[in-house]
C-alpha atoms as a PDB file:
ATOM      1  CA  MET A   1       0.000   0.000   0.000  1.00  0.00           C
ATOM      2  CA  PRO A   2       1.453   3.438  -0.902  1.00  0.00           C
ATOM      3  CA  GLY A   3       2.890   5.216   2.114  1.00  0.00           C
ATOM      4  CA  HIS A   4       2.999   2.099   4.283  1.00  0.00           C
ATOM      5  CA  PRO A   5       6.251   1.919   6.297  1.00  0.00           C
ATOM      6  CA  ASP A   6       6.880  -1.792   5.658  1.00  0.00           C
ATOM      7  CA  THR A   7       8.257  -1.561   2.136  1.00  0.00           C
ATOM      8  CA  PRO A   8      10.406  -3.828  -0.050  1.00  0.00           C
ATOM      9  CA  GLU A   9      13.112  -1.155   0.223  1.00  0.00           C
ATOM     10  CA  ARG A  10      13.796  -2.383   3.747  1.00  0.00           C
ATOM     11  CA  LEU A  11      15.133  -5.722   2.527  1.00  0.00           C
ATOM     12  CA  GLN A  12      16.724  -4.194  -0.555  1.00  0.00           C
ATOM     13  CA  ALA A  13      18.769  -1.892   1.681  1.00  0.00           C
ATOM     14  CA  ILE A  14      19.893  -4.807   3.857  1.00  0.00           C
ATOM     15  CA  GLU A  15      20.883  -6.940   0.886  1.00  0.00           C
ATOM     16  CA  ALA A  16      22.784  -4.111  -0.818  1.00  0.00           C
ATOM     17  CA  ARG A  17      24.717  -3.224   2.313  1.00  0.00           C
ATOM     18  CA  LEU A  18      25.607  -6.802   3.183  1.00  0.00           C
ATOM     19  CA  ALA A  19      26.638  -7.511  -0.398  1.00  0.00           C
ATOM     20  CA  ASP A  20      29.024  -4.540  -0.203  1.00  0.00           C
ATOM     21  CA  VAL A  21      30.774  -6.087   2.815  1.00  0.00           C
ATOM     22  CA  GLY A  22      30.853  -9.655   1.516  1.00  0.00           C
ATOM     23  CA  TRP A  23      27.818 -10.593   3.591  1.00  0.00           C
ATOM     24  CA  ALA A  24      29.954  -9.958   6.694  1.00  0.00           C
ATOM     25  CA  GLY A  25      31.526 -13.385   6.172  1.00  0.00           C
ATOM     26  CA  TRP A  26      28.209 -15.237   6.506  1.00  0.00           C
ATOM     27  CA  GLU A  27      27.115 -18.015   4.148  1.00  0.00           C
ATOM     28  CA  THR A  28      23.922 -17.095   2.305  1.00  0.00           C
ATOM     29  CA  ARG A  29      21.006 -19.420   1.604  1.00  0.00           C
ATOM     30  CA  GLU A  30      17.637 -18.965  -0.047  1.00  0.00           C
ATOM     31  CA  ALA A  31      14.622 -19.041   2.242  1.00  0.00           C
ATOM     32  CA  PRO A  32      12.313 -21.865   1.155  1.00  0.00           C
ATOM     33  CA  ALA A  33       8.546 -21.610   1.338  1.00  0.00           C
ATOM     34  CA  ALA A  34       7.076 -23.046   4.524  1.00  0.00           C
ATOM     35  CA  ARG A  35       4.438 -25.734   4.399  1.00  0.00           C
ATOM     36  CA  GLU A  36       1.012 -24.868   5.740  1.00  0.00           C
ATOM     37  CA  SER A  37       1.499 -27.572   8.353  1.00  0.00           C
ATOM     38  CA  GLU A  38       4.381 -25.486   9.708  1.00  0.00           C
ATOM     39  CA  LEU A  39       2.191 -22.388   9.919  1.00  0.00           C
ATOM     40  CA  GLU A  40      -0.320 -24.486  11.831  1.00  0.00           C
ATOM     41  CA  LEU A  41       2.240 -25.328  14.498  1.00  0.00           C
ATOM     42  CA  ILE A  42       1.199 -21.955  15.959  1.00  0.00           C
ATOM     43  CA  HIS A  43      -1.735 -20.634  13.934  1.00  0.00           C
ATOM     44  CA  ASP A  44      -5.354 -21.704  13.638  1.00  0.00           C
ATOM     45  CA  PRO A  45      -5.896 -23.323  10.221  1.00  0.00           C
ATOM     46  CA  ARG A  46      -8.812 -20.943   9.679  1.00  0.00           C
ATOM     47  CA  LEU A  47      -6.443 -17.955   9.889  1.00  0.00           C
ATOM     48  CA  VAL A  48      -4.068 -19.576   7.415  1.00  0.00           C
ATOM     49  CA  SER A  49      -6.910 -20.237   4.982  1.00  0.00           C
ATOM     50  CA  ALA A  50      -8.361 -16.743   5.366  1.00  0.00           C
ATOM     51  CA  ILE A  51      -5.059 -15.049   4.558  1.00  0.00           C
ATOM     52  CA  ARG A  52      -4.363 -17.375   1.642  1.00  0.00           C
ATOM     53  CA  GLU A  53      -7.799 -16.739   0.190  1.00  0.00           C
ATOM     54  CA  MET A  54      -7.642 -12.974   0.726  1.00  0.00           C
ATOM     55  CA  CYS A  55      -4.351 -12.814  -1.163  1.00  0.00           C
ATOM     56  CA  ALA A  56      -5.651 -15.044  -3.962  1.00  0.00           C
ATOM     57  CA  ALA A  57      -8.574 -12.631  -4.336  1.00  0.00           C
ATOM     58  CA  GLY A  58      -6.204  -9.710  -4.825  1.00  0.00           C
ATOM     59  CA  GLY A  59      -5.634  -8.597  -1.237  1.00  0.00           C
ATOM     60  CA  GLY A  60      -7.151  -6.074   1.123  1.00  0.00           C
ATOM     61  CA  ALA A  61      -6.987  -4.687   4.647  1.00  0.00           C
ATOM     62  CA  ILE A  62      -6.789  -7.036   7.620  1.00  0.00           C
ATOM     63  CA  ASP A  63      -6.777  -4.104  10.043  1.00  0.00           C
ATOM     64  CA  PRO A  64      -5.903  -0.389   9.745  1.00  0.00           C
ATOM     65  CA  ASP A  65      -2.165  -1.224   9.852  1.00  0.00           C
ATOM     66  CA  THR A  66      -2.007  -4.565   8.078  1.00  0.00           C
ATOM     67  CA  PHE A  67      -2.600  -5.019   4.369  1.00  0.00           C
ATOM     68  CA  VAL A  68      -2.028  -7.869   1.954  1.00  0.00           C
ATOM     69  CA  GLY A  69      -1.671  -8.017  -1.799  1.00  0.00           C
ATOM     70  CA  GLU A  70      -1.743 -10.881  -4.242  1.00  0.00           C
ATOM     71  CA  ARG A  71       1.862 -11.915  -3.455  1.00  0.00           C
ATOM     72  CA  SER A  72       1.766 -11.376   0.309  1.00  0.00           C
ATOM     73  CA  TYR A  73       0.897 -14.962   1.168  1.00  0.00           C
ATOM     74  CA  ARG A  74       3.838 -16.257  -0.851  1.00  0.00           C
ATOM     75  CA  ALA A  75       6.165 -13.745   0.832  1.00  0.00           C
ATOM     76  CA  ALA A  76       4.915 -14.794   4.247  1.00  0.00           C
ATOM     77  CA  LEU A  77       5.506 -18.460   3.445  1.00  0.00           C
ATOM     78  CA  HIS A  78       9.134 -17.662   2.653  1.00  0.00           C
ATOM     79  CA  ALA A  79       9.527 -15.558   5.816  1.00  0.00           C
ATOM     80  CA  VAL A  80       8.337 -18.491   7.908  1.00  0.00           C
ATOM     81  CA  GLY A  81      10.334 -20.933   5.808  1.00  0.00           C
ATOM     82  CA  GLY A  82      13.534 -18.985   6.286  1.00  0.00           C
ATOM     83  CA  ALA A  83      13.141 -19.000  10.074  1.00  0.00           C
ATOM     84  CA  CYS A  84      12.369 -22.722  10.047  1.00  0.00           C
ATOM     85  CA  GLU A  85      15.258 -23.604   7.733  1.00  0.00           C
ATOM     86  CA  MET A  86      17.623 -21.589   9.918  1.00  0.00           C
ATOM     87  CA  THR A  87      16.362 -23.443  12.986  1.00  0.00           C
ATOM     88  CA  ARG A  88      16.860 -26.818  11.342  1.00  0.00           C
ATOM     89  CA  ALA A  89      20.453 -25.899  10.522  1.00  0.00           C
ATOM     90  CA  LEU A  90      21.054 -24.716  14.078  1.00  0.00           C
ATOM     91  CA  MET A  91      19.565 -27.787  15.731  1.00  0.00           C
ATOM     92  CA  ALA A  92      21.404 -30.123  13.337  1.00  0.00           C
ATOM     93  CA  GLY A  93      24.715 -28.605  14.393  1.00  0.00           C
ATOM     94  CA  GLU A  94      25.485 -27.244  10.916  1.00  0.00           C
ATOM     95  CA  THR A  95      26.240 -23.819  12.396  1.00  0.00           C
ATOM     96  CA  PRO A  96      26.136 -22.170  15.829  1.00  0.00           C
ATOM     97  CA  LEU A  97      24.677 -18.938  14.408  1.00  0.00           C
ATOM     98  CA  GLY A  98      21.920 -18.067  11.976  1.00  0.00           C
ATOM     99  CA  PHE A  99      20.069 -15.023  10.677  1.00  0.00           C
ATOM    100  CA  SER A 100      16.758 -15.051   8.833  1.00  0.00           C
ATOM    101  CA  GLY A 101      16.200 -11.713   7.128  1.00  0.00           C
ATOM    102  CA  ALA A 102      12.807 -11.658   5.454  1.00  0.00           C
ATOM    103  CA  ARG A 103       9.530  -9.794   5.494  1.00  0.00           C
ATOM    104  CA  PRO A 104       6.805  -9.609   6.582  1.00  0.00           C
ATOM    105  CA  SER A 105       7.777  -9.593  10.235  1.00  0.00           C
ATOM    106  CA  GLY A 106       5.964 -11.901  12.590  1.00  0.00           C
ATOM    107  CA  HIS A 107       6.041 -11.115  16.291  1.00  0.00           C
ATOM    108  CA  HIS A 108       2.639  -9.365  16.439  1.00  0.00           C
ATOM    109  CA  ALA A 109       0.812 -12.254  14.758  1.00  0.00           C
ATOM    110  CA  GLU A 110      -1.240 -14.137  17.340  1.00  0.00           C
ATOM    111  CA  PRO A 111      -2.420 -17.736  16.949  1.00  0.00           C
ATOM    112  CA  HIS A 112      -5.839 -16.592  15.730  1.00  0.00           C
ATOM    113  CA  ARG A 113      -5.074 -13.108  14.425  1.00  0.00           C
ATOM    114  CA  ALA A 114      -2.786 -11.297  12.003  1.00  0.00           C
ATOM    115  CA  MET A 115      -1.941  -7.719  12.996  1.00  0.00           C
ATOM    116  CA  GLY A 116       0.755  -5.061  13.195  1.00  0.00           C
ATOM    117  CA  PHE A 117       2.217  -5.656   9.700  1.00  0.00           C
ATOM    118  CA  CYS A 118       2.551  -9.358  10.642  1.00  0.00           C
ATOM    119  CA  LEU A 119       0.766 -12.287   9.011  1.00  0.00           C
ATOM    120  CA  PHE A 120       2.373 -15.345  10.627  1.00  0.00           C
ATOM    121  CA  ASN A 121       4.678 -15.470  13.626  1.00  0.00           C
ATOM    122  CA  ASN A 122       8.031 -16.494  12.176  1.00  0.00           C
ATOM    123  CA  VAL A 123       9.969 -16.777  15.438  1.00  0.00           C
ATOM    124  CA  ALA A 124       7.192 -18.549  17.350  1.00  0.00           C
ATOM    125  CA  ILE A 125       6.804 -21.118  14.575  1.00  0.00           C
ATOM    126  CA  ALA A 126      10.565 -21.681  14.565  1.00  0.00           C
ATOM    127  CA  ALA A 127      10.575 -22.206  18.342  1.00  0.00           C
ATOM    128  CA  GLU A 128       7.653 -24.630  18.182  1.00  0.00           C
ATOM    129  CA  LEU A 129       9.299 -26.523  15.338  1.00  0.00           C
ATOM    130  CA  ALA A 130      12.456 -26.877  17.431  1.00  0.00           C
ATOM    131  CA  ILE A 131      10.490 -28.340  20.327  1.00  0.00           C
ATOM    132  CA  ARG A 132       8.107 -30.591  18.428  1.00  0.00           C
ATOM    133  CA  GLU A 133      10.397 -31.934  15.725  1.00  0.00           C
ATOM    134  CA  LEU A 134      14.055 -31.054  16.316  1.00  0.00           C
ATOM    135  CA  GLY A 135      14.803 -32.207  19.841  1.00  0.00           C
ATOM    136  CA  ALA A 136      14.792 -28.963  21.810  1.00  0.00           C
ATOM    137  CA  ARG A 137      13.380 -29.162  25.317  1.00  0.00           C
ATOM    138  CA  ARG A 138      13.497 -25.463  26.160  1.00  0.00           C
ATOM    139  CA  VAL A 139      13.736 -22.393  23.923  1.00  0.00           C
ATOM    140  CA  PHE A 140      14.588 -18.862  25.011  1.00  0.00           C
ATOM    141  CA  ILE A 141      13.229 -16.024  22.851  1.00  0.00           C
ATOM    142  CA  LEU A 142      14.516 -12.485  23.357  1.00  0.00           C
ATOM    143  CA  ASP A 143      12.500  -9.773  21.612  1.00  0.00           C
ATOM    144  CA  TRP A 144      14.308  -6.428  21.369  1.00  0.00           C
ATOM    145  CA  ASP A 145      11.953  -4.854  18.834  1.00  0.00           C
ATOM    146  CA  VAL A 146      10.677  -1.520  20.161  1.00  0.00           C
ATOM    147  CA  HIS A 147       7.120  -2.874  19.983  1.00  0.00           C
ATOM    148  CA  HIS A 148       5.995  -5.598  22.358  1.00  0.00           C
ATOM    149  CA  GLY A 149       5.917  -9.043  20.742  1.00  0.00           C
ATOM    150  CA  ASN A 150       2.331  -9.702  21.760  1.00  0.00           C
ATOM    151  CA  GLY A 151       1.860 -12.570  19.325  1.00  0.00           C
ATOM    152  CA  THR A 152       4.849 -14.509  20.611  1.00  0.00           C
ATOM    153  CA  ALA A 153       3.853 -13.833  24.202  1.00  0.00           C
ATOM    154  CA  LYS A 154       0.328 -15.061  23.546  1.00  0.00           C
ATOM    155  CA  ALA A 155       1.508 -18.213  21.791  1.00  0.00           C
ATOM    156  CA  PHE A 156       3.564 -19.343  24.778  1.00  0.00           C
ATOM    157  CA  ARG A 157       2.050 -17.576  27.794  1.00  0.00           C
ATOM    158  CA  SER A 158       0.823 -20.788  29.443  1.00  0.00           C
ATOM    159  CA  ARG A 159       3.961 -22.817  28.603  1.00  0.00           C
ATOM    160  CA  SER A 160       7.040 -23.498  30.710  1.00  0.00           C
ATOM    161  CA  ASP A 161       9.204 -24.822  27.868  1.00  0.00           C
ATOM    162  CA  VAL A 162       9.565 -21.393  26.230  1.00  0.00           C
ATOM    163  CA  LEU A 163      10.958 -18.390  28.085  1.00  0.00           C
ATOM    164  CA  PHE A 164       9.908 -15.184  26.347  1.00  0.00           C
ATOM    165  CA  ALA A 165      11.563 -11.890  27.298  1.00  0.00           C
ATOM    166  CA  SER A 166      10.691  -8.579  25.665  1.00  0.00           C
ATOM    167  CA  VAL A 167      12.276  -5.150  26.096  1.00  0.00           C
ATOM    168  CA  HIS A 168       9.990  -2.616  24.442  1.00  0.00           C
ATOM    169  CA  GLN A 169       8.628   0.910  24.629  1.00  0.00           C
ATOM    170  CA  GLY A 170       5.760   1.013  27.102  1.00  0.00           C
ATOM    171  CA  ASP A 171       3.299   3.647  28.328  1.00  0.00           C
ATOM    172  CA  GLY A 172       0.530   2.423  26.037  1.00  0.00           C
ATOM    173  CA  PHE A 173       2.718   2.313  22.926  1.00  0.00           C
ATOM    174  CA  TYR A 174       1.578  -0.064  20.181  1.00  0.00           C
ATOM    175  CA  PRO A 175       0.282  -2.737  20.613  1.00  0.00           C
ATOM    176  CA  GLY A 176      -0.566  -1.670  24.163  1.00  0.00           C
ATOM    177  CA  THR A 177       0.477  -4.951  25.787  1.00  0.00           C
ATOM    178  CA  GLY A 178       3.554  -6.094  27.673  1.00  0.00           C
ATOM    179  CA  ASP A 179       3.177  -4.671  31.175  1.00  0.00           C
ATOM    180  CA  LEU A 180       5.741  -5.701  33.771  1.00  0.00           C
ATOM    181  CA  ASP A 181       3.140  -7.532  35.815  1.00  0.00           C
ATOM    182  CA  ASP A 182       2.145  -9.758  32.882  1.00  0.00           C
ATOM    183  CA  VAL A 183       4.270 -12.801  33.619  1.00  0.00           C
ATOM    184  CA  GLY A 184       2.276 -15.497  31.851  1.00  0.00           C
ATOM    185  CA  SER A 185      -0.370 -17.775  33.310  1.00  0.00           C
ATOM    186  CA  GLY A 186      -0.930 -21.303  34.546  1.00  0.00           C
ATOM    187  CA  GLU A 187       2.095 -23.519  33.977  1.00  0.00           C
ATOM    188  CA  GLY A 188       3.697 -20.580  32.166  1.00  0.00           C
ATOM    189  CA  GLU A 189       3.572 -18.157  35.080  1.00  0.00           C
ATOM    190  CA  GLY A 190       7.008 -16.558  35.328  1.00  0.00           C
ATOM    191  CA  TYR A 191       8.048 -17.646  31.844  1.00  0.00           C
ATOM    192  CA  THR A 192       7.013 -14.343  30.282  1.00  0.00           C
ATOM    193  CA  ILE A 193       9.291 -11.418  31.122  1.00  0.00           C
ATOM    194  CA  ASN A 194       7.977  -8.051  29.970  1.00  0.00           C
ATOM    195  CA  LEU A 195      10.265  -5.065  30.421  1.00  0.00           C
ATOM    196  CA  PRO A 196       8.590  -1.873  29.187  1.00  0.00           C
ATOM    197  CA  VAL A 197      10.809   1.210  28.975  1.00  0.00           C
ATOM    198  CA  PRO A 198       9.827   4.862  28.566  1.00  0.00           C
ATOM    199  CA  ALA A 199      10.058   6.797  25.336  1.00  0.00           C
ATOM    200  CA  GLY A 200      13.480   8.391  25.079  1.00  0.00           C
ATOM    201  CA  SER A 201      15.244   5.492  26.772  1.00  0.00           C
ATOM    202  CA  GLN A 202      18.815   4.974  25.670  1.00  0.00           C
ATOM    203  CA  GLU A 203      21.367   2.197  25.447  1.00  0.00           C
ATOM    204  CA  ASP A 204      22.322   2.186  29.122  1.00  0.00           C
ATOM    205  CA  LEU A 205      18.826   1.149  30.218  1.00  0.00           C
ATOM    206  CA  TRP A 206      18.405  -1.531  27.524  1.00  0.00           C
ATOM    207  CA  LEU A 207      21.807  -3.036  28.336  1.00  0.00           C
ATOM    208  CA  SER A 208      21.095  -2.854  32.057  1.00  0.00           C
ATOM    209  CA  LEU A 209      17.857  -4.814  31.668  1.00  0.00           C
ATOM    210  CA  LEU A 210      19.565  -7.338  29.422  1.00  0.00           C
ATOM    211  CA  GLU A 211      22.533  -7.851  31.718  1.00  0.00           C
ATOM    212  CA  HIS A 212      20.804  -7.789  35.096  1.00  0.00           C
ATOM    213  CA  VAL A 213      17.367  -9.280  34.388  1.00  0.00           C
ATOM    214  CA  VAL A 214      16.979 -11.061  31.055  1.00  0.00           C
ATOM    215  CA  LEU A 215      20.171 -13.078  30.805  1.00  0.00           C
ATOM    216  CA  PRO A 216      20.313 -14.169  34.465  1.00  0.00           C
ATOM    217  CA  ALA A 217      16.756 -15.484  34.142  1.00  0.00           C
ATOM    218  CA  ALA A 218      17.591 -17.184  30.855  1.00  0.00           C
ATOM    219  CA  GLY A 219      20.648 -18.767  32.431  1.00  0.00           C
ATOM    220  CA  ALA A 220      18.529 -20.272  35.177  1.00  0.00           C
ATOM    221  CA  PHE A 221      16.041 -21.460  32.537  1.00  0.00           C
ATOM    222  CA  GLY A 222      18.770 -23.341  30.651  1.00  0.00           C
ATOM    223  CA  PRO A 223      17.636 -23.305  27.014  1.00  0.00           C
ATOM    224  CA  ASP A 224      18.700 -25.650  24.230  1.00  0.00           C
ATOM    225  CA  LEU A 225      18.157 -22.907  21.643  1.00  0.00           C
ATOM    226  CA  VAL A 226      18.257 -19.106  21.755  1.00  0.00           C
ATOM    227  CA  LEU A 227      16.250 -17.017  19.295  1.00  0.00           C
ATOM    228  CA  ILE A 228      16.211 -13.235  18.945  1.00  0.00           C
ATOM    229  CA  SER A 229      13.254 -11.341  17.527  1.00  0.00           C
ATOM    230  CA  ALA A 230      15.499  -8.609  16.206  1.00  0.00           C
ATOM    231  CA  GLY A 231      13.660  -5.416  15.431  1.00  0.00           C
ATOM    232  CA  PHE A 232      15.779  -2.323  14.956  1.00  0.00           C
ATOM    233  CA  ASP A 233      13.064   0.294  15.436  1.00  0.00           C
ATOM    234  CA  ALA A 234      14.344   1.349  18.860  1.00  0.00           C
ATOM    235  CA  HIS A 235      17.014   3.278  16.920  1.00  0.00           C
ATOM    236  CA  ARG A 236      16.850   7.031  17.459  1.00  0.00           C
ATOM    237  CA  GLU A 237      16.251   7.658  13.735  1.00  0.00           C
ATOM    238  CA  ASP A 238      13.355   5.243  13.346  1.00  0.00           C
ATOM    239  CA  PRO A 239      10.165   7.069  12.357  1.00  0.00           C
ATOM    240  CA  LEU A 240       7.692   4.851  14.214  1.00  0.00           C
ATOM    241  CA  ALA A 241       8.971   4.932  17.790  1.00  0.00           C
ATOM    242  CA  GLY A 242      10.574   7.114  20.426  1.00  0.00           C
ATOM    243  CA  CYS A 243      13.565   5.291  21.879  1.00  0.00           C
ATOM    244  CA  ARG A 244      17.129   6.469  21.407  1.00  0.00           C
ATOM    245  CA  LEU A 245      19.384   3.526  20.658  1.00  0.00           C
ATOM    246  CA  GLU A 246      22.384   3.917  18.366  1.00  0.00           C
ATOM    247  CA  THR A 247      23.527   1.478  15.702  1.00  0.00           C
ATOM    248  CA  ASP A 248      26.278   0.230  18.017  1.00  0.00           C
ATOM    249  CA  SER A 249      23.702  -0.422  20.729  1.00  0.00           C
ATOM    250  CA  PHE A 250      22.413  -3.430  18.811  1.00  0.00           C
ATOM    251  CA  ALA A 251      25.944  -4.737  18.377  1.00  0.00           C
ATOM    252  CA  ARG A 252      26.484  -4.464  22.126  1.00  0.00           C
ATOM    253  CA  MET A 253      23.280  -6.338  22.882  1.00  0.00           C
ATOM    254  CA  ALA A 254      24.183  -8.975  20.300  1.00  0.00           C
ATOM    255  CA  ARG A 255      27.553  -9.616  21.956  1.00  0.00           C
ATOM    256  CA  HIS A 256      25.861 -10.206  25.304  1.00  0.00           C
ATOM    257  CA  VAL A 257      23.493 -12.772  23.800  1.00  0.00           C
ATOM    258  CA  ARG A 258      26.308 -14.321  21.732  1.00  0.00           C
ATOM    259  CA  ASP A 259      28.431 -14.834  24.841  1.00  0.00           C
ATOM    260  CA  PHE A 260      25.428 -16.217  26.722  1.00  0.00           C
ATOM    261  CA  ALA A 261      24.803 -18.818  24.008  1.00  0.00           C
ATOM    262  CA  ARG A 262      28.497 -19.693  23.844  1.00  0.00           C
ATOM    263  CA  GLU A 263      28.670 -20.238  27.592  1.00  0.00           C
ATOM    264  CA  LEU A 264      25.776 -22.690  27.364  1.00  0.00           C
ATOM    265  CA  SER A 265      27.072 -24.237  24.108  1.00  0.00           C
ATOM    266  CA  VAL A 266      23.696 -23.753  22.445  1.00  0.00           C
ATOM    267  CA  PRO A 267      22.903 -22.337  18.992  1.00  0.00           C
ATOM    268  CA  LEU A 268      21.672 -18.791  18.449  1.00  0.00           C
ATOM    269  CA  GLY A 269      19.288 -17.701  15.704  1.00  0.00           C
ATOM    270  CA  VAL A 270      18.208 -14.177  14.789  1.00  0.00           C
ATOM    271  CA  VAL A 271      14.906 -13.421  13.046  1.00  0.00           C
ATOM    272  CA  LEU A 272      14.304  -9.994  11.528  1.00  0.00           C
ATOM    273  CA  GLU A 273      11.370  -7.981  12.840  1.00  0.00           C
ATOM    274  CA  GLY A 274      10.880  -4.189  12.530  1.00  0.00           C
ATOM    275  CA  GLY A 275      13.003  -1.212  11.533  1.00  0.00           C
ATOM    276  CA  TYR A 276      11.517   1.357   9.192  1.00  0.00           C
ATOM    277  CA  GLN A 277      14.322   3.658   8.097  1.00  0.00           C
ATOM    278  CA  PRO A 278      15.939   1.475   5.412  1.00  0.00           C
ATOM    279  CA  ARG A 279      19.459   2.919   5.616  1.00  0.00           C
ATOM    280  CA  VAL A 280      19.514   2.691   9.403  1.00  0.00           C
ATOM    281  CA  LEU A 281      17.992  -0.786   9.347  1.00  0.00           C
ATOM    282  CA  ALA A 282      20.720  -1.999   7.008  1.00  0.00           C
ATOM    283  CA  GLU A 283      23.438  -0.469   9.182  1.00  0.00           C
ATOM    284  CA  CYS A 284      21.989  -2.096  12.301  1.00  0.00           C
ATOM    285  CA  VAL A 285      21.719  -5.529  10.676  1.00  0.00           C
ATOM    286  CA  GLN A 286      25.321  -5.322   9.514  1.00  0.00           C
ATOM    287  CA  ALA A 287      26.504  -4.245  12.974  1.00  0.00           C
ATOM    288  CA  THR A 288      24.573  -7.089  14.598  1.00  0.00           C
ATOM    289  CA  LEU A 289      25.874  -9.794  12.271  1.00  0.00           C
ATOM    290  CA  GLU A 290      29.445  -8.568  12.653  1.00  0.00           C
ATOM    291  CA  ALA A 291      29.091  -8.483  16.444  1.00  0.00           C
ATOM    292  CA  LEU A 292      27.856 -12.061  16.517  1.00  0.00           C
ATOM    293  CA  THR A 293      31.057 -13.258  14.847  1.00  0.00           C
ATOM    294  CA  ASP A 294      33.703 -10.837  16.109  1.00  0.00           C
ATOM    295  CA  GLU A 295      35.862 -11.508  19.142  1.00  0.00           C
ATOM    296  CA  LEU A 296      35.150  -8.262  20.964  1.00  0.00           C
ATOM    297  CA  PRO A 297      33.967  -8.970  24.514  1.00  0.00           C
ATOM    298  CA  ALA A 298      30.543  -7.952  25.712  1.00  0.00           C
ATOM    299  CA  GLU A 299      30.712  -4.777  27.769  1.00  0.00           C
ATOM    300  CA  ARG A 300      29.688  -5.741  31.280  1.00  0.00           C
ATOM    301  CA  ALA A 301      29.507  -2.339  32.865  1.00  0.00           C
ATOM    302  CA  ALA A 302      25.820  -1.521  32.477  1.00  0.00           C
ATOM    303  CA  PRO A 303      24.634  -0.100  35.810  1.00  0.00           C
ATOM    304  CA  ALA A 304      21.569  -1.466  37.544  1.00  0.00           C
ATOM    305  CA  ALA A 305      19.287   1.467  36.758  1.00  0.00           C
ATOM    306  CA  PRO A 306      16.303   2.181  39.043  1.00  0.00           C
ATOM    307  CA  LEU A 307      13.911   0.682  36.500  1.00  0.00           C
ATOM    308  CA  THR A 308      16.122  -2.412  36.288  1.00  0.00           C
ATOM    309  CA  SER A 309      16.139  -2.797  40.073  1.00  0.00           C
ATOM    310  CA  HIS A 310      12.359  -2.439  40.164  1.00  0.00           C
ATOM    311  CA  ALA A 311      11.912  -5.069  37.452  1.00  0.00           C
ATOM    312  CA  ALA A 312      14.341  -7.445  39.151  1.00  0.00           C
ATOM    313  CA  ALA A 313      12.476  -7.103  42.438  1.00  0.00           C
ATOM    314  CA  GLN A 314       9.180  -7.919  40.704  1.00  0.00           C
ATOM    315  CA  LEU A 315      10.599 -10.972  38.927  1.00  0.00           C
ATOM    316  CA  ALA A 316      12.817 -12.330  41.714  1.00  0.00           C
ATOM    317  CA  ARG A 317      10.065 -14.678  42.889  1.00  0.00           C
ATOM    318  CA  TYR A 318      10.496 -16.584  39.633  1.00  0.00           C
ATOM    319  CA  TRP A 319      14.215 -16.259  38.861  1.00  0.00           C
ATOM    320  CA  PRO A 320      17.445 -15.825  40.871  1.00  0.00           C
ATOM    321  CA  LEU A 321      18.263 -12.240  39.901  1.00  0.00           C
ATOM    322  CA  GLY A 322      20.476 -11.353  42.851  1.00  0.00           C
END
């Protein structure tokens, strides 16, 4: 749709920049189309059919933010397929690191609902595939997109085999979910970690939450697979949000998660989510991929900010956060 922020130029900018730097030393693979049975690992078959049929009919509006055209279903199949193929390679021991860079994004898509530019939940499907078919017992998903990953949270909120942690802009920011006191339900109580931050928050707070809350909890959880829902719209130049991260901020977060996965000897996969200034998005993706493979140490000097201390106190009944 003209004027919509999720444009093909986003991926074109990433591909052009990575091609200029030799793909940052990463092997490239084509993303295959997912099977509908893979979509149905997370999504109601009626949602899958409705989106397929809407696209076949020429497209239309799912909600005021989410539109599909004739080719959108095919694109979504490849976005899911890329995340699944990456996960298969990770769980087979072919590589310790993977990145799936496709659109549309997925983390807002709920089991019964497409929304927020997202049709199917790429990272949630990949996590469920790992558990059901690839031998994983526990999967840790970190979502650092500036918007709360409501779809992923909803998919796993009553589960104890997936730990979902999201750092996102709060105060009613889209999609309006992800409060600190939402910790999951039933058997999944404590396995959802929501860390809303105020508009204008900068790198020090994001790193503080990652270092002092998210990764200690994930360490106690003990995953077999780590996945990142990597949105880059918390960057200060992104037009759709109000946080103030720099390009290097994502590299610093990536090094923390890289070292965490290395310490546990588990694979790490990254799935692209948001980021709506194409040049900045491409720079952030490059910085993240380079950080995952460089030998620079993670910077472990992030102070325990007041918001971090408050969050840790709230979550300490579930995880040993010191």
